[in-house]
């Protein structure tokens, strides 16, 4: 009976992240539209878009290989597994032993690799352009993510996300400069990885600025639906990482699986996602789109901040 309850709680977390992802995307679009003095689409529009794409015919280029056809499912599966492993409303769930920060980074790298291969597979100019830009960003984002994990692990003594959240939720760690720098680096990496302003504009199809959109221009139907759902899941994933590592309050910790603790954890988690979904478009509307040649400087700042966080931790254990 206990195993059944633990499995149900784990499945609830895995199902919740994929169910709430389109709504979080809808909130960001709605808030951004209102800030631009437009009405904007309804909050449920991402759900309707996915439903429409799932029922449309798939058009595939005649020279596309099996890589192009299988990549959307690989991207969605890897992103969903990574998002489902990050602790959301409770720690110590059934699969918490596998919720390692390094494993999450590896899964995101797998999804990125598959999408970049698919972008180059059909041989279009836009696909190759988007894949090259994606790899340029990844060459700085992935080392920064590894340094973020090292900075957090040096404080918590582990890279296991459930243990980190349980430790940080007690407040014994205190306020540290290294954690602040790691948070700054994670925000910058999250903006770059999710193709948000100032790195990319998810609403544009201008070839001079496209990164993510350039790789998926040839997709349609259920393949495009899988990629769009994976993009929405990735946004929830980074929101969950910020909440888990730097704002773990409200989570059910210490094996507490009472209905009250789990309910508070779910409500708190959904509230955090809503706050992040509102803050993101507010930040986006205050800055302009960057030129492509400035991407390394922006993403490189995340690497520098994460490296400084690790250095401070080595120099002084109090930082």
C-alpha atoms as a PDB file:
ATOM      1  CA  UNK A   1       0.000   0.000   0.000  1.00  0.00           C
ATOM      2  CA  UNK A   2       2.821   2.377   0.861  1.00  0.00           C
ATOM      3  CA  UNK A   3       4.521   1.660  -2.461  1.00  0.00           C
ATOM      4  CA  UNK A   4       1.275   2.405  -4.291  1.00  0.00           C
ATOM      5  CA  UNK A   5       0.956   5.770  -2.544  1.00  0.00           C
ATOM      6  CA  UNK A   6       4.574   6.682  -3.301  1.00  0.00           C
ATOM      7  CA  UNK A   7       4.131   5.705  -6.943  1.00  0.00           C
ATOM      8  CA  UNK A   8       0.943   7.780  -7.156  1.00  0.00           C
ATOM      9  CA  UNK A   9       2.695  10.822  -5.697  1.00  0.00           C
ATOM     10  CA  UNK A  10       5.555  10.455  -8.169  1.00  0.00           C
ATOM     11  CA  UNK A  11       3.153  10.071 -11.096  1.00  0.00           C
ATOM     12  CA  UNK A  12       1.280  13.138  -9.858  1.00  0.00           C
ATOM     13  CA  UNK A  13       4.470  15.189 -10.111  1.00  0.00           C
ATOM     14  CA  UNK A  14       5.311  13.811 -13.567  1.00  0.00           C
ATOM     15  CA  UNK A  15       1.785  14.420 -14.833  1.00  0.00           C
ATOM     16  CA  UNK A  16       1.448  17.827 -13.221  1.00  0.00           C
ATOM     17  CA  UNK A  17       4.447  19.372 -14.976  1.00  0.00           C
ATOM     18  CA  UNK A  18       3.246  18.314 -18.428  1.00  0.00           C
ATOM     19  CA  UNK A  19      -0.338  19.359 -17.692  1.00  0.00           C
ATOM     20  CA  UNK A  20       0.547  22.805 -16.358  1.00  0.00           C
ATOM     21  CA  UNK A  21       3.211  23.651 -18.981  1.00  0.00           C
ATOM     22  CA  UNK A  22       0.852  25.042 -21.669  1.00  0.00           C
ATOM     23  CA  UNK A  23      -0.939  27.152 -19.052  1.00  0.00           C
ATOM     24  CA  UNK A  24       2.351  28.684 -17.889  1.00  0.00           C
ATOM     25  CA  UNK A  25       3.165  29.541 -21.493  1.00  0.00           C
ATOM     26  CA  UNK A  26      -0.306  31.038 -21.859  1.00  0.00           C
ATOM     27  CA  UNK A  27       0.241  33.228 -18.796  1.00  0.00           C
ATOM     28  CA  UNK A  28       3.534  34.572 -20.155  1.00  0.00           C
ATOM     29  CA  UNK A  29       1.940  35.404 -23.504  1.00  0.00           C
ATOM     30  CA  UNK A  30      -1.064  37.035 -21.889  1.00  0.00           C
ATOM     31  CA  UNK A  31       1.009  39.183 -19.535  1.00  0.00           C
ATOM     32  CA  UNK A  32       3.320  40.257 -22.331  1.00  0.00           C
ATOM     33  CA  UNK A  33       0.385  41.205 -24.539  1.00  0.00           C
ATOM     34  CA  UNK A  34      -1.208  43.246 -21.773  1.00  0.00           C
ATOM     35  CA  UNK A  35       2.090  45.063 -21.162  1.00  0.00           C
ATOM     36  CA  UNK A  36       2.144  45.926 -24.870  1.00  0.00           C
ATOM     37  CA  UNK A  37      -1.429  47.267 -24.576  1.00  0.00           C
ATOM     38  CA  UNK A  38      -2.937  44.380 -26.529  1.00  0.00           C
ATOM     39  CA  UNK A  39      -5.662  41.967 -25.516  1.00  0.00           C
ATOM     40  CA  UNK A  40      -3.578  38.884 -26.217  1.00  0.00           C
ATOM     41  CA  UNK A  41      -4.674  35.257 -26.673  1.00  0.00           C
ATOM     42  CA  UNK A  42      -6.684  33.418 -24.013  1.00  0.00           C
ATOM     43  CA  UNK A  43      -4.785  31.518 -21.333  1.00  0.00           C
ATOM     44  CA  UNK A  44      -5.848  28.161 -22.778  1.00  0.00           C
ATOM     45  CA  UNK A  45      -4.641  28.993 -26.305  1.00  0.00           C
ATOM     46  CA  UNK A  46      -1.501  26.787 -26.026  1.00  0.00           C
ATOM     47  CA  UNK A  47      -3.739  23.801 -25.241  1.00  0.00           C
ATOM     48  CA  UNK A  48      -5.876  24.571 -28.291  1.00  0.00           C
ATOM     49  CA  UNK A  49      -2.779  24.944 -30.483  1.00  0.00           C
ATOM     50  CA  UNK A  50      -1.415  21.573 -29.394  1.00  0.00           C
ATOM     51  CA  UNK A  51      -4.808  19.935 -29.981  1.00  0.00           C
ATOM     52  CA  UNK A  52      -5.016  21.439 -33.464  1.00  0.00           C
ATOM     53  CA  UNK A  53      -1.489  20.370 -34.384  1.00  0.00           C
ATOM     54  CA  UNK A  54      -2.069  16.817 -33.158  1.00  0.00           C
ATOM     55  CA  UNK A  55      -4.975  16.482 -35.599  1.00  0.00           C
ATOM     56  CA  UNK A  56      -3.214  17.993 -38.617  1.00  0.00           C
ATOM     57  CA  UNK A  57      -1.522  16.017 -41.357  1.00  0.00           C
ATOM     58  CA  UNK A  58       2.241  15.623 -41.077  1.00  0.00           C
ATOM     59  CA  UNK A  59       4.158  16.990 -44.063  1.00  0.00           C
ATOM     60  CA  UNK A  60       7.689  15.595 -44.305  1.00  0.00           C
ATOM     61  CA  UNK A  61      10.397  16.597 -46.770  1.00  0.00           C
ATOM     62  CA  UNK A  62      11.191  13.790 -49.250  1.00  0.00           C
ATOM     63  CA  UNK A  63      14.885  13.809 -48.321  1.00  0.00           C
ATOM     64  CA  UNK A  64      14.265  13.632 -44.569  1.00  0.00           C
ATOM     65  CA  UNK A  65      15.780  10.636 -42.793  1.00  0.00           C
ATOM     66  CA  UNK A  66      14.606   8.727 -39.739  1.00  0.00           C
ATOM     67  CA  UNK A  67      16.477  11.257 -37.580  1.00  0.00           C
ATOM     68  CA  UNK A  68      14.090  13.997 -38.648  1.00  0.00           C
ATOM     69  CA  UNK A  69      11.035  11.835 -37.926  1.00  0.00           C
ATOM     70  CA  UNK A  70      12.171  10.527 -34.533  1.00  0.00           C
ATOM     71  CA  UNK A  71      13.785  13.702 -33.155  1.00  0.00           C
ATOM     72  CA  UNK A  72      10.526  15.338 -31.886  1.00  0.00           C
ATOM     73  CA  UNK A  73       9.733  12.315 -29.741  1.00  0.00           C
ATOM     74  CA  UNK A  74      13.277  12.160 -28.371  1.00  0.00           C
ATOM     75  CA  UNK A  75      13.196  15.884 -27.561  1.00  0.00           C
ATOM     76  CA  UNK A  76       9.832  15.620 -25.815  1.00  0.00           C
ATOM     77  CA  UNK A  77      10.708  12.454 -23.885  1.00  0.00           C
ATOM     78  CA  UNK A  78      14.073  13.747 -22.646  1.00  0.00           C
ATOM     79  CA  UNK A  79      12.607  17.101 -21.607  1.00  0.00           C
ATOM     80  CA  UNK A  80       9.630  15.474 -19.880  1.00  0.00           C
ATOM     81  CA  UNK A  81      11.847  13.078 -17.924  1.00  0.00           C
ATOM     82  CA  UNK A  82      14.106  15.945 -16.850  1.00  0.00           C
ATOM     83  CA  UNK A  83      11.146  18.105 -15.791  1.00  0.00           C
ATOM     84  CA  UNK A  84       9.503  15.199 -13.993  1.00  0.00           C
ATOM     85  CA  UNK A  85      12.609  14.493 -11.926  1.00  0.00           C
ATOM     86  CA  UNK A  86      12.955  17.993 -10.462  1.00  0.00           C
ATOM     87  CA  UNK A  87      11.239  18.106  -7.028  1.00  0.00           C
ATOM     88  CA  UNK A  88       8.193  20.350  -7.183  1.00  0.00           C
ATOM     89  CA  UNK A  89       5.820  20.002  -4.241  1.00  0.00           C
ATOM     90  CA  UNK A  90       7.631  17.392  -2.109  1.00  0.00           C
ATOM     91  CA  UNK A  91      11.063  15.863  -1.547  1.00  0.00           C
ATOM     92  CA  UNK A  92      11.908  12.218  -1.080  1.00  0.00           C
ATOM     93  CA  UNK A  93       9.521  10.869  -3.721  1.00  0.00           C
ATOM     94  CA  UNK A  94       9.900   7.399  -5.199  1.00  0.00           C
ATOM     95  CA  UNK A  95      12.272   8.408  -8.013  1.00  0.00           C
ATOM     96  CA  UNK A  96      14.099  11.086  -6.032  1.00  0.00           C
ATOM     97  CA  UNK A  97      17.280   8.984  -6.052  1.00  0.00           C
ATOM     98  CA  UNK A  98      17.538   9.622  -9.808  1.00  0.00           C
ATOM     99  CA  UNK A  99      16.755  13.352  -9.573  1.00  0.00           C
ATOM    100  CA  UNK A 100      20.361  14.427  -9.938  1.00  0.00           C
ATOM    101  CA  UNK A 101      21.301  17.859 -11.246  1.00  0.00           C
ATOM    102  CA  UNK A 102      23.970  16.379 -13.534  1.00  0.00           C
ATOM    103  CA  UNK A 103      21.410  13.934 -14.954  1.00  0.00           C
ATOM    104  CA  UNK A 104      18.994  16.810 -15.679  1.00  0.00           C
ATOM    105  CA  UNK A 105      21.744  18.668 -17.551  1.00  0.00           C
ATOM    106  CA  UNK A 106      22.565  15.506 -19.529  1.00  0.00           C
ATOM    107  CA  UNK A 107      18.909  15.013 -20.510  1.00  0.00           C
ATOM    108  CA  UNK A 108      18.641  18.617 -21.685  1.00  0.00           C
ATOM    109  CA  UNK A 109      21.829  18.139 -23.698  1.00  0.00           C
ATOM    110  CA  UNK A 110      20.343  15.019 -25.321  1.00  0.00           C
ATOM    111  CA  UNK A 111      17.222  16.930 -26.342  1.00  0.00           C
ATOM    112  CA  UNK A 112      19.303  19.798 -27.718  1.00  0.00           C
ATOM    113  CA  UNK A 113      21.516  17.407 -29.703  1.00  0.00           C
ATOM    114  CA  UNK A 114      18.515  15.647 -31.247  1.00  0.00           C
ATOM    115  CA  UNK A 115      16.864  18.927 -32.250  1.00  0.00           C
ATOM    116  CA  UNK A 116      20.072  20.276 -33.775  1.00  0.00           C
ATOM    117  CA  UNK A 117      20.501  17.093 -35.819  1.00  0.00           C
ATOM    118  CA  UNK A 118      16.915  17.366 -37.036  1.00  0.00           C
ATOM    119  CA  UNK A 119      17.477  20.984 -38.043  1.00  0.00           C
ATOM    120  CA  UNK A 120      20.391  19.981 -40.268  1.00  0.00           C
ATOM    121  CA  UNK A 121      18.868  16.758 -41.567  1.00  0.00           C
ATOM    122  CA  UNK A 122      16.706  18.176 -44.381  1.00  0.00           C
ATOM    123  CA  UNK A 123      19.525  20.424 -45.596  1.00  0.00           C
ATOM    124  CA  UNK A 124      17.717  23.778 -45.532  1.00  0.00           C
ATOM    125  CA  UNK A 125      19.648  26.988 -44.936  1.00  0.00           C
ATOM    126  CA  UNK A 126      17.441  28.008 -42.008  1.00  0.00           C
ATOM    127  CA  UNK A 127      17.845  24.650 -40.270  1.00  0.00           C
ATOM    128  CA  UNK A 128      21.626  24.751 -40.463  1.00  0.00           C
ATOM    129  CA  UNK A 129      21.662  28.378 -39.318  1.00  0.00           C
ATOM    130  CA  UNK A 130      19.496  27.637 -36.305  1.00  0.00           C
ATOM    131  CA  UNK A 131      21.480  24.529 -35.376  1.00  0.00           C
ATOM    132  CA  UNK A 132      24.793  26.372 -35.521  1.00  0.00           C
ATOM    133  CA  UNK A 133      23.463  29.176 -33.335  1.00  0.00           C
ATOM    134  CA  UNK A 134      21.963  26.663 -30.905  1.00  0.00           C
ATOM    135  CA  UNK A 135      25.313  24.893 -30.545  1.00  0.00           C
ATOM    136  CA  UNK A 136      27.084  28.216 -30.071  1.00  0.00           C
ATOM    137  CA  UNK A 137      24.761  29.051 -27.184  1.00  0.00           C
ATOM    138  CA  UNK A 138      25.031  25.523 -25.782  1.00  0.00           C
ATOM    139  CA  UNK A 139      28.831  25.656 -25.775  1.00  0.00           C
ATOM    140  CA  UNK A 140      28.595  28.354 -23.088  1.00  0.00           C
ATOM    141  CA  UNK A 141      25.326  27.386 -21.405  1.00  0.00           C
ATOM    142  CA  UNK A 142      26.250  23.790 -20.571  1.00  0.00           C
ATOM    143  CA  UNK A 143      29.572  24.636 -18.835  1.00  0.00           C
ATOM    144  CA  UNK A 144      27.732  27.339 -16.904  1.00  0.00           C
ATOM    145  CA  UNK A 145      25.105  24.811 -15.787  1.00  0.00           C
ATOM    146  CA  UNK A 146      27.831  22.422 -14.656  1.00  0.00           C
ATOM    147  CA  UNK A 147      29.502  25.170 -12.633  1.00  0.00           C
ATOM    148  CA  UNK A 148      26.129  26.073 -11.099  1.00  0.00           C
ATOM    149  CA  UNK A 149      25.698  22.469 -10.034  1.00  0.00           C
ATOM    150  CA  UNK A 150      29.218  22.432  -8.568  1.00  0.00           C
ATOM    151  CA  UNK A 151      28.586  25.648  -6.635  1.00  0.00           C
ATOM    152  CA  UNK A 152      25.374  24.260  -5.155  1.00  0.00           C
ATOM    153  CA  UNK A 153      26.946  20.845  -4.500  1.00  0.00           C
ATOM    154  CA  UNK A 154      29.865  22.389  -2.612  1.00  0.00           C
ATOM    155  CA  UNK A 155      27.369  23.898  -0.174  1.00  0.00           C
ATOM    156  CA  UNK A 156      24.872  21.029   0.033  1.00  0.00           C
ATOM    157  CA  UNK A 157      27.402  18.221  -0.264  1.00  0.00           C
ATOM    158  CA  UNK A 158      25.412  16.501  -3.017  1.00  0.00           C
ATOM    159  CA  UNK A 159      23.977  17.029  -6.492  1.00  0.00           C
ATOM    160  CA  UNK A 160      20.781  15.156  -5.630  1.00  0.00           C
ATOM    161  CA  UNK A 161      17.997  17.714  -6.047  1.00  0.00           C
ATOM    162  CA  UNK A 162      15.693  16.296  -3.396  1.00  0.00           C
ATOM    163  CA  UNK A 163      18.435  16.410  -0.754  1.00  0.00           C
ATOM    164  CA  UNK A 164      19.430  19.943  -1.789  1.00  0.00           C
ATOM    165  CA  UNK A 165      15.845  21.192  -1.542  1.00  0.00           C
ATOM    166  CA  UNK A 166      15.399  19.534   1.872  1.00  0.00           C
ATOM    167  CA  UNK A 167      18.595  21.156   3.164  1.00  0.00           C
ATOM    168  CA  UNK A 168      17.926  24.618   1.761  1.00  0.00           C
ATOM    169  CA  UNK A 169      14.326  24.640   2.994  1.00  0.00           C
ATOM    170  CA  UNK A 170      15.511  24.462   6.609  1.00  0.00           C
ATOM    171  CA  UNK A 171      17.225  27.843   6.351  1.00  0.00           C
ATOM    172  CA  UNK A 172      20.427  26.594   7.954  1.00  0.00           C
ATOM    173  CA  UNK A 173      22.456  27.485   4.861  1.00  0.00           C
ATOM    174  CA  UNK A 174      21.686  31.182   5.222  1.00  0.00           C
ATOM    175  CA  UNK A 175      22.292  33.911   2.658  1.00  0.00           C
ATOM    176  CA  UNK A 176      25.444  33.318   0.617  1.00  0.00           C
ATOM    177  CA  UNK A 177      27.059  35.331  -2.146  1.00  0.00           C
ATOM    178  CA  UNK A 178      27.894  32.159  -4.048  1.00  0.00           C
ATOM    179  CA  UNK A 179      24.230  31.143  -4.126  1.00  0.00           C
ATOM    180  CA  UNK A 180      23.254  34.588  -5.375  1.00  0.00           C
ATOM    181  CA  UNK A 181      25.760  34.337  -8.201  1.00  0.00           C
ATOM    182  CA  UNK A 182      24.558  30.822  -9.015  1.00  0.00           C
ATOM    183  CA  UNK A 183      20.970  32.094  -9.166  1.00  0.00           C
ATOM    184  CA  UNK A 184      22.000  34.898 -11.515  1.00  0.00           C
ATOM    185  CA  UNK A 185      23.809  32.424 -13.744  1.00  0.00           C
ATOM    186  CA  UNK A 186      20.822  30.058 -13.780  1.00  0.00           C
ATOM    187  CA  UNK A 187      18.475  32.876 -14.817  1.00  0.00           C
ATOM    188  CA  UNK A 188      20.749  33.867 -17.703  1.00  0.00           C
ATOM    189  CA  UNK A 189      21.108  30.252 -18.843  1.00  0.00           C
ATOM    190  CA  UNK A 190      17.350  29.752 -18.574  1.00  0.00           C
ATOM    191  CA  UNK A 191      16.685  32.774 -20.774  1.00  0.00           C
ATOM    192  CA  UNK A 192      19.156  31.526 -23.387  1.00  0.00           C
ATOM    193  CA  UNK A 193      17.979  27.912 -23.303  1.00  0.00           C
ATOM    194  CA  UNK A 194      14.329  28.855 -23.644  1.00  0.00           C
ATOM    195  CA  UNK A 195      15.010  31.202 -26.570  1.00  0.00           C
ATOM    196  CA  UNK A 196      13.625  34.244 -24.792  1.00  0.00           C
ATOM    197  CA  UNK A 197      14.475  37.926 -25.224  1.00  0.00           C
ATOM    198  CA  UNK A 198      17.242  39.199 -25.430  1.00  0.00           C
ATOM    199  CA  UNK A 199      18.652  35.996 -27.000  1.00  0.00           C
ATOM    200  CA  UNK A 200      15.689  35.105 -29.183  1.00  0.00           C
ATOM    201  CA  UNK A 201      12.107  36.199 -29.721  1.00  0.00           C
ATOM    202  CA  UNK A 202       9.726  33.202 -29.650  1.00  0.00           C
ATOM    203  CA  UNK A 203       7.129  35.165 -31.634  1.00  0.00           C
ATOM    204  CA  UNK A 204       9.347  36.060 -34.605  1.00  0.00           C
ATOM    205  CA  UNK A 205      10.067  34.336 -37.905  1.00  0.00           C
ATOM    206  CA  UNK A 206      12.698  36.789 -39.117  1.00  0.00           C
ATOM    207  CA  UNK A 207      15.605  34.770 -40.462  1.00  0.00           C
ATOM    208  CA  UNK A 208      18.227  37.184 -39.142  1.00  0.00           C
ATOM    209  CA  UNK A 209      17.221  36.606 -35.530  1.00  0.00           C
ATOM    210  CA  UNK A 210      15.808  33.074 -35.386  1.00  0.00           C
ATOM    211  CA  UNK A 211      17.470  30.404 -33.261  1.00  0.00           C
ATOM    212  CA  UNK A 212      14.912  27.895 -32.022  1.00  0.00           C
ATOM    213  CA  UNK A 213      12.324  28.652 -34.687  1.00  0.00           C
ATOM    214  CA  UNK A 214      14.843  28.158 -37.493  1.00  0.00           C
ATOM    215  CA  UNK A 215      15.365  24.513 -36.544  1.00  0.00           C
ATOM    216  CA  UNK A 216      11.663  23.640 -36.566  1.00  0.00           C
ATOM    217  CA  UNK A 217      10.422  25.546 -39.625  1.00  0.00           C
ATOM    218  CA  UNK A 218       9.985  22.330 -41.632  1.00  0.00           C
ATOM    219  CA  UNK A 219       7.970  20.526 -38.952  1.00  0.00           C
ATOM    220  CA  UNK A 220       4.190  20.238 -38.958  1.00  0.00           C
ATOM    221  CA  UNK A 221       1.380  18.239 -37.418  1.00  0.00           C
ATOM    222  CA  UNK A 222       2.084  16.032 -34.438  1.00  0.00           C
ATOM    223  CA  UNK A 223       5.846  16.460 -34.861  1.00  0.00           C
ATOM    224  CA  UNK A 224       5.525  20.213 -34.339  1.00  0.00           C
ATOM    225  CA  UNK A 225       3.146  19.574 -31.424  1.00  0.00           C
ATOM    226  CA  UNK A 226       5.796  17.448 -29.699  1.00  0.00           C
ATOM    227  CA  UNK A 227       8.437  20.138 -30.125  1.00  0.00           C
ATOM    228  CA  UNK A 228       6.124  22.911 -28.920  1.00  0.00           C
ATOM    229  CA  UNK A 229       5.144  20.837 -25.881  1.00  0.00           C
ATOM    230  CA  UNK A 230       8.823  20.177 -25.163  1.00  0.00           C
ATOM    231  CA  UNK A 231       9.553  23.922 -25.308  1.00  0.00           C
ATOM    232  CA  UNK A 232       6.754  24.576 -22.831  1.00  0.00           C
ATOM    233  CA  UNK A 233       8.069  21.809 -20.573  1.00  0.00           C
ATOM    234  CA  UNK A 234      11.563  23.263 -20.682  1.00  0.00           C
ATOM    235  CA  UNK A 235      10.258  26.600 -19.419  1.00  0.00           C
ATOM    236  CA  UNK A 236       8.526  24.836 -16.517  1.00  0.00           C
ATOM    237  CA  UNK A 237      11.723  22.868 -15.905  1.00  0.00           C
ATOM    238  CA  UNK A 238      13.830  25.988 -15.404  1.00  0.00           C
ATOM    239  CA  UNK A 239      11.131  27.577 -13.252  1.00  0.00           C
ATOM    240  CA  UNK A 240      11.105  24.390 -11.160  1.00  0.00           C
ATOM    241  CA  UNK A 241      14.901  24.432 -10.845  1.00  0.00           C
ATOM    242  CA  UNK A 242      14.849  27.997  -9.545  1.00  0.00           C
ATOM    243  CA  UNK A 243      12.075  27.115  -7.099  1.00  0.00           C
ATOM    244  CA  UNK A 244      13.783  23.896  -5.975  1.00  0.00           C
ATOM    245  CA  UNK A 245      17.293  25.274  -5.502  1.00  0.00           C
ATOM    246  CA  UNK A 246      16.696  28.849  -4.390  1.00  0.00           C
ATOM    247  CA  UNK A 247      13.076  29.045  -3.158  1.00  0.00           C
ATOM    248  CA  UNK A 248      12.195  25.623  -1.698  1.00  0.00           C
ATOM    249  CA  UNK A 249       9.796  27.006   0.897  1.00  0.00           C
ATOM    250  CA  UNK A 250       6.405  25.320   1.159  1.00  0.00           C
ATOM    251  CA  UNK A 251       7.622  21.914  -0.024  1.00  0.00           C
ATOM    252  CA  UNK A 252       6.739  18.792   1.937  1.00  0.00           C
ATOM    253  CA  UNK A 253      10.117  17.656   3.293  1.00  0.00           C
ATOM    254  CA  UNK A 254      11.393  15.008   5.636  1.00  0.00           C
ATOM    255  CA  UNK A 255       9.083  12.260   4.399  1.00  0.00           C
ATOM    256  CA  UNK A 256       5.971  14.165   5.439  1.00  0.00           C
ATOM    257  CA  UNK A 257       3.259  12.787   3.133  1.00  0.00           C
ATOM    258  CA  UNK A 258       0.227  14.056   4.980  1.00  0.00           C
ATOM    259  CA  UNK A 259      -2.587  15.476   2.896  1.00  0.00           C
ATOM    260  CA  UNK A 260      -2.099  18.945   4.397  1.00  0.00           C
ATOM    261  CA  UNK A 261       1.637  19.087   3.692  1.00  0.00           C
ATOM    262  CA  UNK A 262       1.204  17.789   0.139  1.00  0.00           C
ATOM    263  CA  UNK A 263      -1.658  20.206  -0.523  1.00  0.00           C
ATOM    264  CA  UNK A 264       0.403  23.148   0.728  1.00  0.00           C
ATOM    265  CA  UNK A 265       3.304  21.971  -1.423  1.00  0.00           C
ATOM    266  CA  UNK A 266       1.182  21.777  -4.579  1.00  0.00           C
ATOM    267  CA  UNK A 267      -0.443  25.171  -4.022  1.00  0.00           C
ATOM    268  CA  UNK A 268       2.918  26.774  -3.215  1.00  0.00           C
ATOM    269  CA  UNK A 269       4.544  25.275  -6.303  1.00  0.00           C
ATOM    270  CA  UNK A 270       1.759  26.468  -8.590  1.00  0.00           C
ATOM    271  CA  UNK A 271       1.996  29.908  -7.005  1.00  0.00           C
ATOM    272  CA  UNK A 272       5.738  30.052  -7.670  1.00  0.00           C
ATOM    273  CA  UNK A 273       5.210  29.110 -11.312  1.00  0.00           C
ATOM    274  CA  UNK A 274       2.562  31.807 -11.685  1.00  0.00           C
ATOM    275  CA  UNK A 275       4.870  34.441 -10.172  1.00  0.00           C
ATOM    276  CA  UNK A 276       7.757  33.421 -12.446  1.00  0.00           C
ATOM    277  CA  UNK A 277       5.426  33.384 -15.469  1.00  0.00           C
ATOM    278  CA  UNK A 278       4.459  36.984 -14.713  1.00  0.00           C
ATOM    279  CA  UNK A 279       7.984  38.218 -13.977  1.00  0.00           C
ATOM    280  CA  UNK A 280       9.459  36.773 -17.188  1.00  0.00           C
ATOM    281  CA  UNK A 281       7.449  38.875 -19.687  1.00  0.00           C
ATOM    282  CA  UNK A 282       7.877  41.941 -17.470  1.00  0.00           C
ATOM    283  CA  UNK A 283      11.647  41.535 -17.757  1.00  0.00           C
ATOM    284  CA  UNK A 284      11.409  40.831 -21.497  1.00  0.00           C
ATOM    285  CA  UNK A 285       9.495  44.005 -22.262  1.00  0.00           C
ATOM    286  CA  UNK A 286      12.175  46.143 -20.578  1.00  0.00           C
ATOM    287  CA  UNK A 287      15.042  45.011 -22.835  1.00  0.00           C
ATOM    288  CA  UNK A 288      15.639  44.810 -26.571  1.00  0.00           C
ATOM    289  CA  UNK A 289      16.641  41.883 -28.740  1.00  0.00           C
ATOM    290  CA  UNK A 290      20.416  41.390 -28.872  1.00  0.00           C
ATOM    291  CA  UNK A 291      22.469  41.097 -32.016  1.00  0.00           C
ATOM    292  CA  UNK A 292      23.761  37.625 -32.737  1.00  0.00           C
ATOM    293  CA  UNK A 293      27.427  38.475 -32.238  1.00  0.00           C
ATOM    294  CA  UNK A 294      26.656  39.592 -28.678  1.00  0.00           C
ATOM    295  CA  UNK A 295      25.225  36.231 -27.625  1.00  0.00           C
ATOM    296  CA  UNK A 296      28.572  34.911 -26.335  1.00  0.00           C
ATOM    297  CA  UNK A 297      29.016  37.944 -24.089  1.00  0.00           C
ATOM    298  CA  UNK A 298      25.551  37.531 -22.588  1.00  0.00           C
ATOM    299  CA  UNK A 299      25.699  33.772 -22.043  1.00  0.00           C
ATOM    300  CA  UNK A 300      29.362  34.038 -21.067  1.00  0.00           C
ATOM    301  CA  UNK A 301      28.330  36.253 -18.163  1.00  0.00           C
ATOM    302  CA  UNK A 302      26.482  33.237 -16.729  1.00  0.00           C
ATOM    303  CA  UNK A 303      29.665  31.185 -16.975  1.00  0.00           C
ATOM    304  CA  UNK A 304      31.645  33.947 -15.278  1.00  0.00           C
ATOM    305  CA  UNK A 305      29.092  34.300 -12.473  1.00  0.00           C
ATOM    306  CA  UNK A 306      28.983  30.540 -11.884  1.00  0.00           C
ATOM    307  CA  UNK A 307      32.779  30.307 -11.919  1.00  0.00           C
ATOM    308  CA  UNK A 308      32.988  33.150  -9.411  1.00  0.00           C
ATOM    309  CA  UNK A 309      30.460  31.344  -7.208  1.00  0.00           C
ATOM    310  CA  UNK A 310      32.640  28.220  -7.166  1.00  0.00           C
ATOM    311  CA  UNK A 311      35.768  30.307  -6.527  1.00  0.00           C
ATOM    312  CA  UNK A 312      34.182  32.135  -3.594  1.00  0.00           C
ATOM    313  CA  UNK A 313      33.109  28.848  -2.089  1.00  0.00           C
ATOM    314  CA  UNK A 314      36.692  27.575  -2.224  1.00  0.00           C
ATOM    315  CA  UNK A 315      38.206  30.805  -0.904  1.00  0.00           C
ATOM    316  CA  UNK A 316      35.817  31.255   2.004  1.00  0.00           C
ATOM    317  CA  UNK A 317      33.409  28.627   3.277  1.00  0.00           C
ATOM    318  CA  UNK A 318      31.212  31.405   4.668  1.00  0.00           C
ATOM    319  CA  UNK A 319      30.452  32.717   1.172  1.00  0.00           C
END
